[in-house]
Amino acid sequence: MGDLLAQALLGEHSRREGKPAPAYDPTRTARMLGYGFTWYGPLQYYWYNLLEHLMPIKTTATFLTKVASNQLILAPITLSSVFAFNLALTGQAGNIGNKIRNDLWPNMQNGWKFWIPAASLNFYCVPLKYQVLYMSACGVLWTAYLSYASNMPVAAPVAAAPAPVPEAAKGKGKAKGK
């Protein structure tokens, strides 16, 4: 669902800019579905069980530790793996390093902006019987973002610009009087 939402939003954005909307890409949806079923879903299952095993007592400190662990340990693994998964399956495995170097940090920051408030609301405001529904809805939105971010073109590494030559050095090496 997240990828369908991402592609629909990209199409709407193109239409607003007066550009033709890109055609729906079912292969992209299949890639994101495959990522969720083969990697992300199982990873989350084992991750949350590990956190619960390590921190079974529910306190403010364990809650904060779990949220921090999600954002500082799980998030970089998740983002790097979704970038690698999509690039490898589109024949662009050679771009994985550049994608991670260029996009991991800004996407982690966006994840913090989204998941820290979402998790806080879930644990402090949402009644227990609605928490799974709430987090599932959040997950659809985040998957839409992941689909968008992982399918953006990979920027080439930026080469360092040569240092400017000082004016005094420009005249050296030329014959005088010419």
C-alpha atoms as a PDB file:
ATOM      1  CA  MET A   1       0.000   0.000   0.000  1.00  0.00           C
ATOM      2  CA  GLY A   2       2.829   2.373   0.816  1.00  0.00           C
ATOM      3  CA  ASP A   3       4.358   2.114  -2.654  1.00  0.00           C
ATOM      4  CA  LEU A   4       0.979   2.612  -4.307  1.00  0.00           C
ATOM      5  CA  LEU A   5       0.566   5.784  -2.243  1.00  0.00           C
ATOM      6  CA  ALA A   6       4.079   6.958  -3.129  1.00  0.00           C
ATOM      7  CA  GLN A   7       3.522   6.445  -6.852  1.00  0.00           C
ATOM      8  CA  ALA A   8       0.128   8.182  -6.711  1.00  0.00           C
ATOM      9  CA  LEU A   9       1.645  11.176  -4.912  1.00  0.00           C
ATOM     10  CA  LEU A  10       4.493  11.378  -7.442  1.00  0.00           C
ATOM     11  CA  GLY A  11       1.931  11.323 -10.258  1.00  0.00           C
ATOM     12  CA  GLU A  12      -0.099  14.078  -8.616  1.00  0.00           C
ATOM     13  CA  HIS A  13       3.039  16.160  -8.085  1.00  0.00           C
ATOM     14  CA  SER A  14       3.936  15.796 -11.780  1.00  0.00           C
ATOM     15  CA  ARG A  15       0.425  16.836 -12.851  1.00  0.00           C
ATOM     16  CA  ARG A  16       0.556  19.939 -10.645  1.00  0.00           C
ATOM     17  CA  GLU A  17       3.835  20.911 -12.312  1.00  0.00           C
ATOM     18  CA  GLY A  18       2.226  20.480 -15.737  1.00  0.00           C
ATOM     19  CA  LYS A  19       4.286  17.389 -16.532  1.00  0.00           C
ATOM     20  CA  PRO A  20       2.876  14.034 -17.589  1.00  0.00           C
ATOM     21  CA  ALA A  21       2.435  11.668 -14.672  1.00  0.00           C
ATOM     22  CA  PRO A  22       4.736   8.665 -14.771  1.00  0.00           C
ATOM     23  CA  ALA A  23       3.019   5.378 -15.515  1.00  0.00           C
ATOM     24  CA  TYR A  24       2.275   3.085 -12.599  1.00  0.00           C
ATOM     25  CA  ASP A  25       5.217   0.718 -12.088  1.00  0.00           C
ATOM     26  CA  PRO A  26       3.951  -2.666 -10.813  1.00  0.00           C
ATOM     27  CA  THR A  27       7.522  -3.996 -10.675  1.00  0.00           C
ATOM     28  CA  ARG A  28       8.416  -1.285  -8.170  1.00  0.00           C
ATOM     29  CA  THR A  29       5.408  -2.269  -6.035  1.00  0.00           C
ATOM     30  CA  ALA A  30       6.486  -5.903  -6.246  1.00  0.00           C
ATOM     31  CA  ARG A  31      10.019  -4.956  -5.125  1.00  0.00           C
ATOM     32  CA  MET A  32       8.694  -3.089  -2.087  1.00  0.00           C
ATOM     33  CA  LEU A  33       6.313  -5.961  -1.299  1.00  0.00           C
ATOM     34  CA  GLY A  34       9.223  -8.396  -1.571  1.00  0.00           C
ATOM     35  CA  TYR A  35      11.345  -6.211   0.687  1.00  0.00           C
ATOM     36  CA  GLY A  36       8.619  -6.148   3.311  1.00  0.00           C
ATOM     37  CA  PHE A  37       7.927  -9.875   3.251  1.00  0.00           C
ATOM     38  CA  THR A  38      11.469 -11.199   2.910  1.00  0.00           C
ATOM     39  CA  TRP A  39      13.445  -8.736   5.021  1.00  0.00           C
ATOM     40  CA  TYR A  40      11.685  -5.908   6.823  1.00  0.00           C
ATOM     41  CA  GLY A  41       8.817  -7.874   8.336  1.00  0.00           C
ATOM     42  CA  PRO A  42      10.983 -10.682   9.727  1.00  0.00           C
ATOM     43  CA  LEU A  43      13.637  -8.185  10.874  1.00  0.00           C
ATOM     44  CA  GLN A  44      11.079  -6.209  12.860  1.00  0.00           C
ATOM     45  CA  TYR A  45       9.620  -9.359  14.398  1.00  0.00           C
ATOM     46  CA  TYR A  46      13.008 -10.484  15.727  1.00  0.00           C
ATOM     47  CA  TRP A  47      14.095  -6.941  16.627  1.00  0.00           C
ATOM     48  CA  TYR A  48      11.076  -6.195  18.792  1.00  0.00           C
ATOM     49  CA  ASN A  49      11.316  -9.603  20.446  1.00  0.00           C
ATOM     50  CA  LEU A  50      14.976  -8.891  21.211  1.00  0.00           C
ATOM     51  CA  LEU A  51      14.124  -5.498  22.710  1.00  0.00           C
ATOM     52  CA  GLU A  52      11.364  -7.050  24.812  1.00  0.00           C
ATOM     53  CA  HIS A  53      13.738  -9.800  25.978  1.00  0.00           C
ATOM     54  CA  LEU A  54      16.445  -7.282  26.903  1.00  0.00           C
ATOM     55  CA  MET A  55      14.049  -4.753  28.476  1.00  0.00           C
ATOM     56  CA  PRO A  56      10.953  -6.586  29.753  1.00  0.00           C
ATOM     57  CA  ILE A  57      10.074  -4.088  32.480  1.00  0.00           C
ATOM     58  CA  LYS A  58       7.989  -1.179  31.209  1.00  0.00           C
ATOM     59  CA  THR A  59       9.392   2.064  32.535  1.00  0.00           C
ATOM     60  CA  THR A  60       9.994   5.474  31.041  1.00  0.00           C
ATOM     61  CA  ALA A  61      13.699   4.633  30.806  1.00  0.00           C
ATOM     62  CA  THR A  62      13.085   1.386  28.887  1.00  0.00           C
ATOM     63  CA  PHE A  63      10.582   3.134  26.615  1.00  0.00           C
ATOM     64  CA  LEU A  64      13.120   5.849  25.794  1.00  0.00           C
ATOM     65  CA  THR A  65      15.846   3.239  25.315  1.00  0.00           C
ATOM     66  CA  LYS A  66      13.665   1.266  22.903  1.00  0.00           C
ATOM     67  CA  VAL A  67      12.787   4.392  20.893  1.00  0.00           C
ATOM     68  CA  ALA A  68      16.454   5.444  20.797  1.00  0.00           C
ATOM     69  CA  SER A  69      17.550   1.919  19.809  1.00  0.00           C
ATOM     70  CA  ASN A  70      15.015   1.899  16.984  1.00  0.00           C
ATOM     71  CA  GLN A  71      16.303   5.179  15.636  1.00  0.00           C
ATOM     72  CA  LEU A  72      20.034   4.645  16.159  1.00  0.00           C
ATOM     73  CA  ILE A  73      20.373   0.922  15.382  1.00  0.00           C
ATOM     74  CA  LEU A  74      17.345  -0.299  13.428  1.00  0.00           C
ATOM     75  CA  ALA A  75      16.843   2.805  11.257  1.00  0.00           C
ATOM     76  CA  PRO A  76      20.265   2.768   9.558  1.00  0.00           C
ATOM     77  CA  ILE A  77      19.950  -0.978   8.941  1.00  0.00           C
ATOM     78  CA  THR A  78      16.453  -0.551   7.494  1.00  0.00           C
ATOM     79  CA  LEU A  79      17.332   2.417   5.296  1.00  0.00           C
ATOM     80  CA  SER A  80      20.580   0.903   4.010  1.00  0.00           C
ATOM     81  CA  SER A  81      18.865  -2.390   3.254  1.00  0.00           C
ATOM     82  CA  VAL A  82      15.916  -0.842   1.381  1.00  0.00           C
ATOM     83  CA  PHE A  83      18.311   1.248  -0.711  1.00  0.00           C
ATOM     84  CA  ALA A  84      20.499  -1.809  -1.439  1.00  0.00           C
ATOM     85  CA  PHE A  85      17.508  -4.059  -2.132  1.00  0.00           C
ATOM     86  CA  ASN A  86      15.973  -1.677  -4.671  1.00  0.00           C
ATOM     87  CA  LEU A  87      19.235  -0.802  -6.387  1.00  0.00           C
ATOM     88  CA  ALA A  88      20.362  -4.430  -6.618  1.00  0.00           C
ATOM     89  CA  LEU A  89      17.028  -5.516  -8.103  1.00  0.00           C
ATOM     90  CA  THR A  90      17.132  -2.724 -10.688  1.00  0.00           C
ATOM     91  CA  GLY A  91      20.651  -3.628 -11.844  1.00  0.00           C
ATOM     92  CA  GLN A  92      22.296  -0.697 -10.079  1.00  0.00           C
ATOM     93  CA  ALA A  93      24.191  -2.506  -7.328  1.00  0.00           C
ATOM     94  CA  GLY A  94      27.273  -0.424  -8.122  1.00  0.00           C
ATOM     95  CA  ASN A  95      25.415   2.662  -6.863  1.00  0.00           C
ATOM     96  CA  ILE A  96      24.624   1.296  -3.393  1.00  0.00           C
ATOM     97  CA  GLY A  97      27.611   2.996  -1.742  1.00  0.00           C
ATOM     98  CA  ASN A  98      26.782   6.388  -3.255  1.00  0.00           C
ATOM     99  CA  LYS A  99      23.090   6.061  -2.338  1.00  0.00           C
ATOM    100  CA  ILE A 100      23.917   5.269   1.282  1.00  0.00           C
ATOM    101  CA  ARG A 101      26.585   8.000   1.470  1.00  0.00           C
ATOM    102  CA  ASN A 102      24.266  10.637  -0.025  1.00  0.00           C
ATOM    103  CA  ASP A 103      20.867   9.638   1.361  1.00  0.00           C
ATOM    104  CA  LEU A 104      21.241   7.739   4.641  1.00  0.00           C
ATOM    105  CA  TRP A 105      21.700  10.736   6.955  1.00  0.00           C
ATOM    106  CA  PRO A 106      18.879  12.934   5.585  1.00  0.00           C
ATOM    107  CA  ASN A 107      16.495   9.969   5.542  1.00  0.00           C
ATOM    108  CA  MET A 108      17.411   9.026   9.110  1.00  0.00           C
ATOM    109  CA  GLN A 109      16.613  12.575  10.174  1.00  0.00           C
ATOM    110  CA  ASN A 110      13.247  12.356   8.436  1.00  0.00           C
ATOM    111  CA  GLY A 111      12.641   9.042  10.184  1.00  0.00           C
ATOM    112  CA  TRP A 112      13.294  10.690  13.540  1.00  0.00           C
ATOM    113  CA  LYS A 113      10.819  13.437  12.707  1.00  0.00           C
ATOM    114  CA  PHE A 114       8.198  10.816  11.896  1.00  0.00           C
ATOM    115  CA  TRP A 115       8.752   7.831  14.196  1.00  0.00           C
ATOM    116  CA  ILE A 116       9.675   9.510  17.472  1.00  0.00           C
ATOM    117  CA  PRO A 117       6.380  11.447  17.634  1.00  0.00           C
ATOM    118  CA  ALA A 118       4.444   8.493  16.187  1.00  0.00           C
ATOM    119  CA  ALA A 119       5.798   6.063  18.786  1.00  0.00           C
ATOM    120  CA  SER A 120       5.318   8.574  21.585  1.00  0.00           C
ATOM    121  CA  LEU A 121       1.686   9.118  20.629  1.00  0.00           C
ATOM    122  CA  ASN A 122       1.163   5.391  20.331  1.00  0.00           C
ATOM    123  CA  PHE A 123       2.469   4.564  23.782  1.00  0.00           C
ATOM    124  CA  TYR A 124       1.063   7.566  25.628  1.00  0.00           C
ATOM    125  CA  CYS A 125      -2.221   8.454  23.909  1.00  0.00           C
ATOM    126  CA  VAL A 126      -3.574   5.586  21.842  1.00  0.00           C
ATOM    127  CA  PRO A 127      -5.684   3.017  23.727  1.00  0.00           C
ATOM    128  CA  LEU A 128      -4.101  -0.437  23.688  1.00  0.00           C
ATOM    129  CA  LYS A 129      -6.840  -1.951  21.519  1.00  0.00           C
ATOM    130  CA  TYR A 130      -6.029   0.594  18.745  1.00  0.00           C
ATOM    131  CA  GLN A 131      -2.226   0.593  18.949  1.00  0.00           C
ATOM    132  CA  VAL A 132      -1.668  -2.039  16.248  1.00  0.00           C
ATOM    133  CA  LEU A 133      -4.066  -0.248  13.900  1.00  0.00           C
ATOM    134  CA  TYR A 134      -2.401   3.100  14.591  1.00  0.00           C
ATOM    135  CA  MET A 135       1.138   1.777  14.050  1.00  0.00           C
ATOM    136  CA  SER A 136       0.017  -0.062  10.900  1.00  0.00           C
ATOM    137  CA  ALA A 137      -1.359   3.198   9.500  1.00  0.00           C
ATOM    138  CA  CYS A 138       1.919   4.908  10.392  1.00  0.00           C
ATOM    139  CA  GLY A 139       3.749   2.043   8.701  1.00  0.00           C
ATOM    140  CA  VAL A 140       1.856   2.598   5.448  1.00  0.00           C
ATOM    141  CA  LEU A 141       2.910   6.244   5.458  1.00  0.00           C
ATOM    142  CA  TRP A 142       6.511   5.355   6.270  1.00  0.00           C
ATOM    143  CA  THR A 143       6.595   2.672   3.564  1.00  0.00           C
ATOM    144  CA  ALA A 144       5.369   5.280   1.084  1.00  0.00           C
ATOM    145  CA  TYR A 145       8.268   7.479   2.154  1.00  0.00           C
ATOM    146  CA  LEU A 146      10.749   4.571   1.948  1.00  0.00           C
ATOM    147  CA  SER A 147       9.500   3.717  -1.534  1.00  0.00           C
ATOM    148  CA  TYR A 148       9.899   7.322  -2.622  1.00  0.00           C
ATOM    149  CA  ALA A 149      13.363   7.706  -1.045  1.00  0.00           C
ATOM    150  CA  SER A 150      14.723   4.374  -2.254  1.00  0.00           C
ATOM    151  CA  ASN A 151      13.575   4.974  -5.830  1.00  0.00           C
ATOM    152  CA  MET A 152      15.013   8.470  -6.201  1.00  0.00           C
ATOM    153  CA  PRO A 153      17.908   8.661  -8.670  1.00  0.00           C
ATOM    154  CA  VAL A 154      21.351   8.131  -7.175  1.00  0.00           C
ATOM    155  CA  ALA A 155      23.456  11.270  -7.285  1.00  0.00           C
ATOM    156  CA  ALA A 156      26.982  10.827  -8.542  1.00  0.00           C
ATOM    157  CA  PRO A 157      29.679  11.518  -5.985  1.00  0.00           C
ATOM    158  CA  VAL A 158      30.550  15.184  -5.933  1.00  0.00           C
ATOM    159  CA  ALA A 159      34.134  15.836  -6.973  1.00  0.00           C
ATOM    160  CA  ALA A 160      35.973  18.443  -4.966  1.00  0.00           C
ATOM    161  CA  ALA A 161      36.367  21.688  -6.870  1.00  0.00           C
ATOM    162  CA  PRO A 162      39.954  22.745  -7.507  1.00  0.00           C
ATOM    163  CA  ALA A 163      41.202  25.390  -5.118  1.00  0.00           C
ATOM    164  CA  PRO A 164      41.231  28.891  -6.593  1.00  0.00           C
ATOM    165  CA  VAL A 165      44.639  30.114  -7.677  1.00  0.00           C
ATOM    166  CA  PRO A 166      45.672  33.320  -5.872  1.00  0.00           C
ATOM    167  CA  GLU A 167      46.106  36.338  -8.149  1.00  0.00           C
ATOM    168  CA  ALA A 168      49.778  36.691  -7.227  1.00  0.00           C
ATOM    169  CA  ALA A 169      50.482  33.129  -8.380  1.00  0.00           C
ATOM    170  CA  LYS A 170      48.749  33.571 -11.753  1.00  0.00           C
ATOM    171  CA  GLY A 171      51.538  35.730 -13.170  1.00  0.00           C
ATOM    172  CA  LYS A 172      54.392  33.432 -12.068  1.00  0.00           C
ATOM    173  CA  GLY A 173      55.964  31.270 -14.695  1.00  0.00           C
ATOM    174  CA  LYS A 174      55.244  33.714 -17.552  1.00  0.00           C
ATOM    175  CA  ALA A 175      58.060  35.443 -19.341  1.00  0.00           C
ATOM    176  CA  LYS A 176      58.337  39.104 -18.427  1.00  0.00           C
ATOM    177  CA  GLY A 177      57.458  41.679 -21.007  1.00  0.00           C
ATOM    178  CA  LYS A 178      55.121  39.502 -22.966  1.00  0.00           C
END
